[in-house]
Amino acid sequence: MSHPFPPSFVIAESSLADAFFDEATNLGISRIEAERLLKIIPASVRSAKAIKFVFGQDWRYLYGKEFHFDGNSSGFGVPYQAPLLVNLVRSATLAERVLTGSQRRRWWQ
């Protein structure tokens, strides 16, 4: 998988969906419930890559637009370069429980 991080920093790569199921399982969420949660997440996020860094070793997902500095280095834009995937699972769980469908669509935008 292609990403802007030095290969020596990355110990694992996956699709967001596969890593999402791992994180959901660690939180005690069933596979069926995790599949339902994944469906409410926008396709642009669902198609993201997931990575684990040497430091921290938590699943993170690449989010944002790639940017370049001085033509030599690159990264991903705001809000974060690689947010924790477990926070996405928790957010989706909470959103499903407390927001209506139309509220979730506005929230994800």
N, C-alpha and C. Protein backbone atom coordinates (compact mmCIF):
# COMPACT_ATOMS: atom_id res chain seq x y z
N MET A 1 0.83 -1.18 0.00
CA MET A 1 0.00 0.00 0.00
C MET A 1 0.87 1.24 0.00
N SER A 2 0.42 2.24 -0.65
CA SER A 2 1.17 3.48 -0.75
C SER A 2 0.71 4.45 0.35
N HIS A 3 1.66 5.04 1.04
CA HIS A 3 1.36 6.06 2.05
C HIS A 3 2.60 6.93 2.21
N PRO A 4 2.47 8.08 2.84
CA PRO A 4 3.60 9.01 2.93
C PRO A 4 4.57 8.73 4.07
N PHE A 5 4.37 7.66 4.83
CA PHE A 5 5.20 7.42 6.01
C PHE A 5 6.40 6.54 5.66
N PRO A 6 7.54 6.79 6.30
CA PRO A 6 8.71 5.97 6.04
C PRO A 6 8.43 4.49 6.35
N PRO A 7 8.82 3.59 5.48
CA PRO A 7 8.55 2.16 5.70
C PRO A 7 9.06 1.65 7.05
N SER A 8 10.12 2.23 7.56
CA SER A 8 10.66 1.78 8.85
C SER A 8 9.74 2.13 10.02
N PHE A 9 8.78 3.04 9.81
CA PHE A 9 7.82 3.41 10.86
C PHE A 9 6.60 2.50 10.89
N VAL A 10 6.34 1.78 9.80
CA VAL A 10 5.09 1.02 9.66
C VAL A 10 5.37 -0.47 9.83
N ILE A 11 4.58 -1.12 10.72
CA ILE A 11 4.77 -2.56 10.94
C ILE A 11 3.66 -3.39 10.35
N ALA A 12 2.50 -2.77 10.02
CA ALA A 12 1.39 -3.52 9.43
C ALA A 12 0.52 -2.58 8.61
N GLU A 13 -0.07 -3.14 7.55
CA GLU A 13 -0.99 -2.39 6.69
C GLU A 13 -2.20 -3.26 6.42
N SER A 14 -3.35 -2.62 6.26
CA SER A 14 -4.59 -3.35 6.03
C SER A 14 -5.59 -2.41 5.39
N SER A 15 -6.71 -2.97 4.97
CA SER A 15 -7.83 -2.12 4.57
C SER A 15 -8.49 -1.62 5.85
N LEU A 16 -9.15 -0.48 5.76
CA LEU A 16 -9.84 0.04 6.93
C LEU A 16 -10.89 -0.96 7.42
N ALA A 17 -11.62 -1.57 6.51
CA ALA A 17 -12.68 -2.50 6.90
C ALA A 17 -12.14 -3.65 7.75
N ASP A 18 -11.06 -4.28 7.32
CA ASP A 18 -10.51 -5.40 8.09
C ASP A 18 -10.04 -4.96 9.47
N ALA A 19 -9.35 -3.85 9.53
CA ALA A 19 -8.86 -3.34 10.82
C ALA A 19 -10.03 -2.88 11.68
N PHE A 20 -11.08 -2.33 11.05
CA PHE A 20 -12.28 -1.90 11.78
C PHE A 20 -12.88 -3.08 12.53
N PHE A 21 -12.97 -4.24 11.86
CA PHE A 21 -13.53 -5.43 12.51
C PHE A 21 -12.65 -5.88 13.68
N ASP A 22 -11.34 -5.79 13.54
CA ASP A 22 -10.43 -6.14 14.64
C ASP A 22 -10.67 -5.23 15.84
N GLU A 23 -10.75 -3.93 15.59
CA GLU A 23 -10.96 -2.97 16.67
C GLU A 23 -12.33 -3.16 17.32
N ALA A 24 -13.34 -3.40 16.51
CA ALA A 24 -14.69 -3.62 17.04
C ALA A 24 -14.71 -4.85 17.94
N THR A 25 -14.06 -5.92 17.50
CA THR A 25 -13.99 -7.15 18.30
C THR A 25 -13.32 -6.87 19.64
N ASN A 26 -12.24 -6.09 19.62
CA ASN A 26 -11.54 -5.75 20.87
C ASN A 26 -12.43 -4.96 21.83
N LEU A 27 -13.42 -4.25 21.30
CA LEU A 27 -14.36 -3.49 22.13
C LEU A 27 -15.59 -4.31 22.51
N GLY A 28 -15.63 -5.58 22.09
CA GLY A 28 -16.76 -6.45 22.42
C GLY A 28 -17.95 -6.30 21.49
N ILE A 29 -17.71 -5.75 20.31
CA ILE A 29 -18.76 -5.56 19.31
C ILE A 29 -18.76 -6.76 18.37
N SER A 30 -19.93 -7.32 18.14
CA SER A 30 -20.02 -8.50 17.28
C SER A 30 -19.72 -8.15 15.83
N ARG A 31 -19.43 -9.15 15.05
CA ARG A 31 -19.14 -8.95 13.62
C ARG A 31 -20.35 -8.35 12.89
N ILE A 32 -21.53 -8.84 13.20
CA ILE A 32 -22.75 -8.34 12.56
C ILE A 32 -22.96 -6.86 12.90
N GLU A 33 -22.78 -6.51 14.16
CA GLU A 33 -22.94 -5.11 14.56
C GLU A 33 -21.86 -4.24 13.92
N ALA A 34 -20.63 -4.76 13.84
CA ALA A 34 -19.54 -4.01 13.22
C ALA A 34 -19.81 -3.77 11.73
N GLU A 35 -20.38 -4.76 11.06
CA GLU A 35 -20.73 -4.59 9.65
C GLU A 35 -21.77 -3.49 9.48
N ARG A 36 -22.74 -3.44 10.39
CA ARG A 36 -23.77 -2.40 10.35
C ARG A 36 -23.14 -1.02 10.60
N LEU A 37 -22.24 -0.95 11.57
CA LEU A 37 -21.57 0.32 11.87
C LEU A 37 -20.73 0.79 10.69
N LEU A 38 -20.04 -0.13 10.06
CA LEU A 38 -19.19 0.24 8.93
C LEU A 38 -20.01 0.82 7.79
N LYS A 39 -21.23 0.35 7.61
CA LYS A 39 -22.08 0.84 6.54
C LYS A 39 -22.51 2.29 6.74
N ILE A 40 -22.54 2.79 7.97
CA ILE A 40 -22.97 4.18 8.19
C ILE A 40 -21.82 5.17 8.01
N ILE A 41 -20.61 4.64 7.88
CA ILE A 41 -19.44 5.50 7.67
C ILE A 41 -19.35 5.84 6.18
N PRO A 42 -19.06 7.10 5.85
CA PRO A 42 -18.98 7.48 4.43
C PRO A 42 -17.99 6.61 3.65
N ALA A 43 -18.33 6.36 2.38
CA ALA A 43 -17.50 5.51 1.52
C ALA A 43 -16.08 6.05 1.41
N SER A 44 -15.92 7.36 1.42
CA SER A 44 -14.58 7.94 1.31
C SER A 44 -13.69 7.56 2.49
N VAL A 45 -14.30 7.36 3.64
CA VAL A 45 -13.54 6.93 4.83
C VAL A 45 -13.39 5.41 4.81
N ARG A 46 -14.46 4.69 4.45
CA ARG A 46 -14.40 3.21 4.41
C ARG A 46 -13.31 2.71 3.47
N SER A 47 -13.01 3.47 2.44
CA SER A 47 -12.01 3.03 1.47
C SER A 47 -10.58 3.40 1.88
N ALA A 48 -10.43 3.98 3.05
CA ALA A 48 -9.11 4.38 3.52
C ALA A 48 -8.23 3.17 3.85
N LYS A 49 -6.95 3.42 3.92
CA LYS A 49 -5.98 2.41 4.33
C LYS A 49 -5.81 2.48 5.85
N ALA A 50 -5.50 1.37 6.45
CA ALA A 50 -5.19 1.32 7.88
C ALA A 50 -3.74 0.89 8.05
N ILE A 51 -3.08 1.48 9.02
CA ILE A 51 -1.68 1.13 9.28
C ILE A 51 -1.43 1.06 10.78
N LYS A 52 -0.38 0.34 11.14
CA LYS A 52 0.13 0.32 12.51
C LYS A 52 1.57 0.81 12.46
N PHE A 53 1.88 1.71 13.36
CA PHE A 53 3.24 2.22 13.44
C PHE A 53 4.06 1.42 14.46
N VAL A 54 5.35 1.50 14.34
CA VAL A 54 6.25 0.86 15.29
C VAL A 54 5.98 1.40 16.68
N PHE A 55 5.81 2.71 16.79
CA PHE A 55 5.52 3.35 18.07
C PHE A 55 4.00 3.40 18.25
N GLY A 56 3.51 2.84 19.32
CA GLY A 56 2.08 2.85 19.58
C GLY A 56 1.37 1.58 19.18
N GLN A 57 1.61 1.09 17.98
CA GLN A 57 1.07 -0.16 17.46
C GLN A 57 -0.45 -0.27 17.51
N ASP A 58 -1.15 0.87 17.51
CA ASP A 58 -2.61 0.87 17.39
C ASP A 58 -2.95 1.05 15.92
N TRP A 59 -4.08 0.47 15.50
CA TRP A 59 -4.52 0.68 14.13
C TRP A 59 -4.91 2.14 13.96
N ARG A 60 -4.45 2.72 12.88
CA ARG A 60 -4.78 4.10 12.51
C ARG A 60 -5.23 4.08 11.06
N TYR A 61 -6.00 5.09 10.67
CA TYR A 61 -6.42 5.15 9.28
C TYR A 61 -5.96 6.46 8.67
N LEU A 62 -5.64 6.40 7.39
CA LEU A 62 -5.16 7.58 6.68
C LEU A 62 -6.34 8.41 6.25
N TYR A 63 -6.35 9.66 6.66
CA TYR A 63 -7.48 10.51 6.37
C TYR A 63 -7.00 11.89 6.00
N GLY A 64 -7.63 12.46 5.01
CA GLY A 64 -7.29 13.81 4.59
C GLY A 64 -6.69 13.80 3.21
N LYS A 65 -6.35 14.97 2.74
CA LYS A 65 -5.76 15.09 1.41
C LYS A 65 -4.25 15.16 1.53
N GLU A 66 -3.60 14.47 0.63
CA GLU A 66 -2.14 14.47 0.64
C GLU A 66 -1.63 15.86 0.29
N PHE A 67 -0.57 16.27 0.95
CA PHE A 67 0.05 17.56 0.66
C PHE A 67 1.55 17.35 0.47
N HIS A 68 2.20 18.33 -0.11
CA HIS A 68 3.64 18.24 -0.37
C HIS A 68 4.35 19.50 0.12
N PHE A 69 5.52 19.32 0.67
CA PHE A 69 6.38 20.42 1.08
C PHE A 69 7.65 20.38 0.26
N ASP A 70 8.01 21.47 -0.31
CA ASP A 70 9.28 21.59 -1.05
C ASP A 70 9.48 20.49 -2.08
N GLY A 71 8.40 19.84 -2.50
CA GLY A 71 8.51 18.79 -3.51
C GLY A 71 9.17 17.52 -3.02
N ASN A 72 9.59 17.47 -1.74
CA ASN A 72 10.31 16.30 -1.24
C ASN A 72 9.52 15.45 -0.25
N SER A 73 8.71 16.08 0.58
CA SER A 73 8.00 15.32 1.59
C SER A 73 6.50 15.49 1.40
N SER A 74 5.74 14.55 1.91
CA SER A 74 4.30 14.63 1.78
C SER A 74 3.64 14.09 3.03
N GLY A 75 2.36 14.31 3.14
CA GLY A 75 1.60 13.83 4.29
C GLY A 75 0.13 14.01 4.01
N PHE A 76 -0.69 13.91 5.04
CA PHE A 76 -2.12 14.07 4.88
C PHE A 76 -2.58 15.28 5.67
N GLY A 77 -3.63 15.90 5.18
CA GLY A 77 -4.10 17.16 5.74
C GLY A 77 -4.91 17.03 7.01
N VAL A 78 -5.43 18.12 7.41
CA VAL A 78 -6.16 18.29 8.63
C VAL A 78 -7.43 17.43 8.60
N PRO A 79 -7.97 16.90 9.68
CA PRO A 79 -7.61 17.24 11.04
C PRO A 79 -6.38 16.49 11.56
N TYR A 80 -6.18 15.25 11.18
CA TYR A 80 -5.02 14.50 11.64
C TYR A 80 -4.48 13.67 10.49
N GLN A 81 -3.24 13.30 10.57
CA GLN A 81 -2.66 12.49 9.51
C GLN A 81 -3.13 11.05 9.59
N ALA A 82 -3.18 10.50 10.78
CA ALA A 82 -3.56 9.10 10.95
C ALA A 82 -4.27 8.93 12.29
N PRO A 83 -5.57 9.28 12.34
CA PRO A 83 -6.31 9.14 13.60
C PRO A 83 -6.45 7.68 14.03
N LEU A 84 -6.66 7.48 15.30
CA LEU A 84 -6.86 6.14 15.83
C LEU A 84 -8.15 5.54 15.29
N LEU A 85 -8.06 4.34 14.79
CA LEU A 85 -9.23 3.66 14.24
C LEU A 85 -10.24 3.32 15.32
N VAL A 86 -9.78 3.02 16.52
CA VAL A 86 -10.70 2.70 17.61
C VAL A 86 -11.62 3.88 17.87
N ASN A 87 -11.15 5.11 17.67
CA ASN A 87 -12.01 6.28 17.87
C ASN A 87 -13.10 6.36 16.80
N LEU A 88 -12.80 5.90 15.59
CA LEU A 88 -13.82 5.85 14.54
C LEU A 88 -14.89 4.82 14.90
N VAL A 89 -14.48 3.67 15.42
CA VAL A 89 -15.43 2.64 15.84
C VAL A 89 -16.33 3.19 16.95
N ARG A 90 -15.72 3.83 17.93
CA ARG A 90 -16.50 4.40 19.04
C ARG A 90 -17.45 5.49 18.55
N SER A 91 -16.98 6.34 17.65
CA SER A 91 -17.83 7.41 17.11
C SER A 91 -19.02 6.85 16.34
N ALA A 92 -18.76 5.84 15.52
CA ALA A 92 -19.84 5.22 14.75
C ALA A 92 -20.85 4.56 15.68
N THR A 93 -20.38 3.92 16.74
CA THR A 93 -21.26 3.27 17.71
C THR A 93 -22.17 4.30 18.37
N LEU A 94 -21.58 5.39 18.82
CA LEU A 94 -22.36 6.44 19.47
C LEU A 94 -23.32 7.10 18.49
N ALA A 95 -22.86 7.39 17.29
CA ALA A 95 -23.71 8.03 16.28
C ALA A 95 -24.92 7.16 15.96
N GLU A 96 -24.70 5.86 15.85
CA GLU A 96 -25.81 4.96 15.53
C GLU A 96 -26.84 4.95 16.65
N ARG A 97 -26.37 5.06 17.88
CA ARG A 97 -27.27 4.97 19.03
C ARG A 97 -28.07 6.24 19.28
N VAL A 98 -27.49 7.39 19.01
CA VAL A 98 -28.14 8.64 19.44
C VAL A 98 -28.62 9.54 18.30
N LEU A 99 -28.14 9.33 17.09
CA LEU A 99 -28.53 10.20 15.99
C LEU A 99 -29.50 9.51 15.04
N THR A 100 -30.38 10.28 14.46
CA THR A 100 -31.25 9.75 13.41
C THR A 100 -30.42 9.61 12.13
N GLY A 101 -30.97 8.94 11.12
CA GLY A 101 -30.25 8.77 9.86
C GLY A 101 -29.87 10.10 9.24
N SER A 102 -30.78 11.06 9.21
CA SER A 102 -30.47 12.36 8.61
C SER A 102 -29.44 13.13 9.44
N GLN A 103 -29.52 13.01 10.76
CA GLN A 103 -28.52 13.66 11.61
C GLN A 103 -27.13 13.06 11.38
N ARG A 104 -27.06 11.73 11.21
CA ARG A 104 -25.76 11.08 10.94
C ARG A 104 -25.18 11.56 9.63
N ARG A 105 -26.01 11.68 8.60
CA ARG A 105 -25.49 12.15 7.30
C ARG A 105 -24.93 13.56 7.41
N ARG A 106 -25.61 14.42 8.15
CA ARG A 106 -25.09 15.79 8.34
C ARG A 106 -23.82 15.77 9.18
N TRP A 107 -23.79 14.91 10.19
CA TRP A 107 -22.64 14.85 11.09
C TRP A 107 -21.39 14.39 10.32
N TRP A 108 -21.54 13.35 9.46
CA TRP A 108 -20.39 12.84 8.72
C TRP A 108 -19.86 13.85 7.71
N GLN A 109 -20.76 14.73 7.23
CA GLN A 109 -20.30 15.73 6.25
C GLN A 109 -19.41 16.72 6.93
